[in-house]
Amino acid sequence: MTIHGDQTAKGAGAVTATVSGPTDRTGAVAGAPPDDGPRITAPLRPAPRLGLRPRVHTGQLVVTQVALAGLGATAGRSAPLVAGAVLTATLLLLVTWAPTRGRWWYEWLGVWLRRAGRQRTLPPA
């Protein structure tokens, strides 16, 4: 290893280090880890958040506002219309705000749809 010092205008020294040394017959620096060629790595995924509630997303807030607006719009109307609005709002809020195993229900719906749409057999050769 060689170390070179450079003087700047203010007189402070900057130090640069260069690695040099004996190489083996492949041209790699002796003592360096071997290069086994290109590595195939899996895509990075976020770490599971065990025991924690999932984060709230803006879409959940919008769905909550839509459910409340639907209930407010049916106030003072006929009983079947109010019952339908209450049932719809309840289902919307349940799907939007119920976490299961670290994910919201609508996220599980996306996982299920991706899995259902995936091809599971090999194409003919």
C-alpha atoms as a PDB file:
ATOM      1  CA  MET A   1       0.000   0.000   0.000  1.00  0.00           C
ATOM      2  CA  THR A   2       1.381   3.389  -0.952  1.00  0.00           C
ATOM      3  CA  ILE A   3       0.290   6.632   0.665  1.00  0.00           C
ATOM      4  CA  HIS A   4       0.689   9.978  -1.080  1.00  0.00           C
ATOM      5  CA  GLY A   5       0.188  13.373   0.573  1.00  0.00           C
ATOM      6  CA  ASP A   6      -1.066  16.470  -1.274  1.00  0.00           C
ATOM      7  CA  GLN A   7      -0.884  20.031   0.039  1.00  0.00           C
ATOM      8  CA  THR A   8      -3.919  22.254  -0.484  1.00  0.00           C
ATOM      9  CA  ALA A   9      -3.942  26.084  -0.576  1.00  0.00           C
ATOM     10  CA  LYS A  10      -4.683  26.246   3.165  1.00  0.00           C
ATOM     11  CA  GLY A  11      -1.795  23.973   4.054  1.00  0.00           C
ATOM     12  CA  ALA A  12      -3.875  20.973   5.164  1.00  0.00           C
ATOM     13  CA  GLY A  13      -2.746  17.667   3.715  1.00  0.00           C
ATOM     14  CA  ALA A  14      -5.010  15.309   1.829  1.00  0.00           C
ATOM     15  CA  VAL A  15      -4.079  11.651   1.895  1.00  0.00           C
ATOM     16  CA  THR A  16      -4.788   9.133  -0.846  1.00  0.00           C
ATOM     17  CA  ALA A  17      -4.235   5.397  -0.528  1.00  0.00           C
ATOM     18  CA  THR A  18      -3.481   3.100  -3.431  1.00  0.00           C
ATOM     19  CA  VAL A  19      -3.582  -0.671  -3.117  1.00  0.00           C
ATOM     20  CA  SER A  20      -0.714  -2.373  -4.871  1.00  0.00           C
ATOM     21  CA  GLY A  21       1.091  -5.536  -4.211  1.00  0.00           C
ATOM     22  CA  PRO A  22       1.855  -8.934  -5.598  1.00  0.00           C
ATOM     23  CA  THR A  23      -0.742 -10.472  -7.834  1.00  0.00           C
ATOM     24  CA  ASP A  24      -1.452 -14.079  -8.540  1.00  0.00           C
ATOM     25  CA  ARG A  25      -1.473 -15.564 -12.052  1.00  0.00           C
ATOM     26  CA  THR A  26      -5.064 -14.370 -12.716  1.00  0.00           C
ATOM     27  CA  GLY A  27      -4.098 -10.743 -12.101  1.00  0.00           C
ATOM     28  CA  ALA A  28      -6.008 -10.443  -8.812  1.00  0.00           C
ATOM     29  CA  VAL A  29      -4.337  -8.788  -5.843  1.00  0.00           C
ATOM     30  CA  ALA A  30      -3.018 -11.382  -3.404  1.00  0.00           C
ATOM     31  CA  GLY A  31      -5.148 -11.629  -0.282  1.00  0.00           C
ATOM     32  CA  ALA A  32      -8.257 -10.206  -1.993  1.00  0.00           C
ATOM     33  CA  PRO A  33     -11.399 -12.376  -2.004  1.00  0.00           C
ATOM     34  CA  PRO A  34     -11.722 -14.444  -5.184  1.00  0.00           C
ATOM     35  CA  ASP A  35     -14.042 -13.231  -7.920  1.00  0.00           C
ATOM     36  CA  ASP A  36     -16.390 -16.105  -8.724  1.00  0.00           C
ATOM     37  CA  GLY A  37     -18.023 -14.268 -11.628  1.00  0.00           C
ATOM     38  CA  PRO A  38     -21.394 -12.568 -11.727  1.00  0.00           C
ATOM     39  CA  ARG A  39     -23.656 -13.205  -8.772  1.00  0.00           C
ATOM     40  CA  ILE A  40     -27.389 -13.667  -9.118  1.00  0.00           C
ATOM     41  CA  THR A  41     -29.230 -12.092  -6.245  1.00  0.00           C
ATOM     42  CA  ALA A  42     -32.894 -12.077  -5.344  1.00  0.00           C
ATOM     43  CA  PRO A  43     -34.769  -8.757  -5.482  1.00  0.00           C
ATOM     44  CA  LEU A  44     -34.759  -6.842  -2.233  1.00  0.00           C
ATOM     45  CA  ARG A  45     -37.935  -7.123  -0.230  1.00  0.00           C
ATOM     46  CA  PRO A  46     -38.853  -5.162   2.852  1.00  0.00           C
ATOM     47  CA  ALA A  47     -38.344  -7.045   6.096  1.00  0.00           C
ATOM     48  CA  PRO A  48     -41.543  -8.454   7.602  1.00  0.00           C
ATOM     49  CA  ARG A  49     -42.978  -6.288  10.333  1.00  0.00           C
ATOM     50  CA  LEU A  50     -43.888  -8.925  12.887  1.00  0.00           C
ATOM     51  CA  GLY A  51     -46.233  -7.865  15.650  1.00  0.00           C
ATOM     52  CA  LEU A  52     -46.721  -4.371  14.241  1.00  0.00           C
ATOM     53  CA  ARG A  53     -49.765  -2.936  12.581  1.00  0.00           C
ATOM     54  CA  PRO A  54     -49.377  -2.075   8.914  1.00  0.00           C
ATOM     55  CA  ARG A  55     -48.997   1.567   7.904  1.00  0.00           C
ATOM     56  CA  VAL A  56     -52.059   3.617   6.978  1.00  0.00           C
ATOM     57  CA  HIS A  57     -52.276   4.607   3.313  1.00  0.00           C
ATOM     58  CA  THR A  58     -54.077   7.578   1.788  1.00  0.00           C
ATOM     59  CA  GLY A  59     -56.423   5.279  -0.131  1.00  0.00           C
ATOM     60  CA  GLN A  60     -57.768   4.020   3.178  1.00  0.00           C
ATOM     61  CA  LEU A  61     -58.591   7.560   4.250  1.00  0.00           C
ATOM     62  CA  VAL A  62     -60.332   8.245   0.931  1.00  0.00           C
ATOM     63  CA  VAL A  63     -62.453   5.078   1.202  1.00  0.00           C
ATOM     64  CA  THR A  64     -63.400   6.051   4.754  1.00  0.00           C
ATOM     65  CA  GLN A  65     -64.513   9.489   3.549  1.00  0.00           C
ATOM     66  CA  VAL A  66     -66.531   7.939   0.717  1.00  0.00           C
ATOM     67  CA  ALA A  67     -68.253   5.555   3.153  1.00  0.00           C
ATOM     68  CA  LEU A  68     -69.127   8.411   5.509  1.00  0.00           C
ATOM     69  CA  ALA A  69     -70.337  10.592   2.639  1.00  0.00           C
ATOM     70  CA  GLY A  70     -72.580   7.748   1.470  1.00  0.00           C
ATOM     71  CA  LEU A  71     -74.071   7.455   4.934  1.00  0.00           C
ATOM     72  CA  GLY A  72     -74.578  11.212   5.137  1.00  0.00           C
ATOM     73  CA  ALA A  73     -76.251  11.302   1.717  1.00  0.00           C
ATOM     74  CA  THR A  74     -78.844   8.725   2.749  1.00  0.00           C
ATOM     75  CA  ALA A  75     -79.771  10.410   6.051  1.00  0.00           C
ATOM     76  CA  GLY A  76     -83.529  10.962   6.197  1.00  0.00           C
ATOM     77  CA  ARG A  77     -84.247   8.680   3.217  1.00  0.00           C
ATOM     78  CA  SER A  78     -86.226   5.449   3.096  1.00  0.00           C
ATOM     79  CA  ALA A  79     -85.250   2.569   5.397  1.00  0.00           C
ATOM     80  CA  PRO A  80     -84.125   0.154   2.617  1.00  0.00           C
ATOM     81  CA  LEU A  81     -81.843   2.828   1.137  1.00  0.00           C
ATOM     82  CA  VAL A  82     -80.293   3.602   4.531  1.00  0.00           C
ATOM     83  CA  ALA A  83     -79.861  -0.130   5.245  1.00  0.00           C
ATOM     84  CA  GLY A  84     -78.100  -0.613   1.902  1.00  0.00           C
ATOM     85  CA  ALA A  85     -75.821   2.365   2.576  1.00  0.00           C
ATOM     86  CA  VAL A  86     -74.970   1.070   6.063  1.00  0.00           C
ATOM     87  CA  LEU A  87     -74.207  -2.408   4.696  1.00  0.00           C
ATOM     88  CA  THR A  88     -72.044  -0.989   1.884  1.00  0.00           C
ATOM     89  CA  ALA A  89     -70.190   1.344   4.242  1.00  0.00           C
ATOM     90  CA  THR A  90     -69.615  -1.489   6.715  1.00  0.00           C
ATOM     91  CA  LEU A  91     -68.172  -3.769   4.033  1.00  0.00           C
ATOM     92  CA  LEU A  92     -65.976  -0.978   2.641  1.00  0.00           C
ATOM     93  CA  LEU A  93     -64.599  -0.102   6.060  1.00  0.00           C
ATOM     94  CA  LEU A  94     -64.059  -3.754   6.984  1.00  0.00           C
ATOM     95  CA  VAL A  95     -62.074  -4.486   3.811  1.00  0.00           C
ATOM     96  CA  THR A  96     -60.158  -1.213   4.137  1.00  0.00           C
ATOM     97  CA  TRP A  97     -59.245  -1.276   7.831  1.00  0.00           C
ATOM     98  CA  ALA A  98     -59.000  -4.971   8.847  1.00  0.00           C
ATOM     99  CA  PRO A  99     -55.368  -6.154   9.104  1.00  0.00           C
ATOM    100  CA  THR A 100     -54.563  -9.851   8.848  1.00  0.00           C
ATOM    101  CA  ARG A 101     -51.046 -11.288   9.253  1.00  0.00           C
ATOM    102  CA  GLY A 102     -49.357  -7.917   8.768  1.00  0.00           C
ATOM    103  CA  ARG A 103     -51.282  -6.822   5.643  1.00  0.00           C
ATOM    104  CA  TRP A 104     -54.545  -5.049   4.987  1.00  0.00           C
ATOM    105  CA  TRP A 105     -57.307  -7.109   3.387  1.00  0.00           C
ATOM    106  CA  TYR A 106     -57.104  -5.179   0.097  1.00  0.00           C
ATOM    107  CA  GLU A 107     -53.380  -6.040  -0.059  1.00  0.00           C
ATOM    108  CA  TRP A 108     -54.242  -9.714   0.354  1.00  0.00           C
ATOM    109  CA  LEU A 109     -56.736  -9.321  -2.501  1.00  0.00           C
ATOM    110  CA  GLY A 110     -53.884  -8.062  -4.707  1.00  0.00           C
ATOM    111  CA  VAL A 111     -51.691 -11.011  -3.650  1.00  0.00           C
ATOM    112  CA  TRP A 112     -54.497 -13.446  -4.439  1.00  0.00           C
ATOM    113  CA  LEU A 113     -55.175 -11.885  -7.847  1.00  0.00           C
ATOM    114  CA  ARG A 114     -51.475 -12.007  -8.804  1.00  0.00           C
ATOM    115  CA  ARG A 115     -51.296 -15.632  -7.728  1.00  0.00           C
ATOM    116  CA  ALA A 116     -54.519 -16.568  -9.521  1.00  0.00           C
ATOM    117  CA  GLY A 117     -53.292 -14.977 -12.756  1.00  0.00           C
ATOM    118  CA  ARG A 118     -49.913 -16.713 -12.724  1.00  0.00           C
ATOM    119  CA  GLN A 119     -49.191 -19.559 -15.110  1.00  0.00           C
ATOM    120  CA  ARG A 120     -48.411 -22.725 -13.151  1.00  0.00           C
ATOM    121  CA  THR A 121     -47.520 -25.138 -15.942  1.00  0.00           C
ATOM    122  CA  LEU A 122     -44.553 -25.144 -18.226  1.00  0.00           C
ATOM    123  CA  PRO A 123     -45.232 -24.172 -21.842  1.00  0.00           C
ATOM    124  CA  PRO A 124     -45.012 -27.056 -24.333  1.00  0.00           C
ATOM    125  CA  ALA A 125     -41.491 -27.643 -25.604  1.00  0.00           C
END
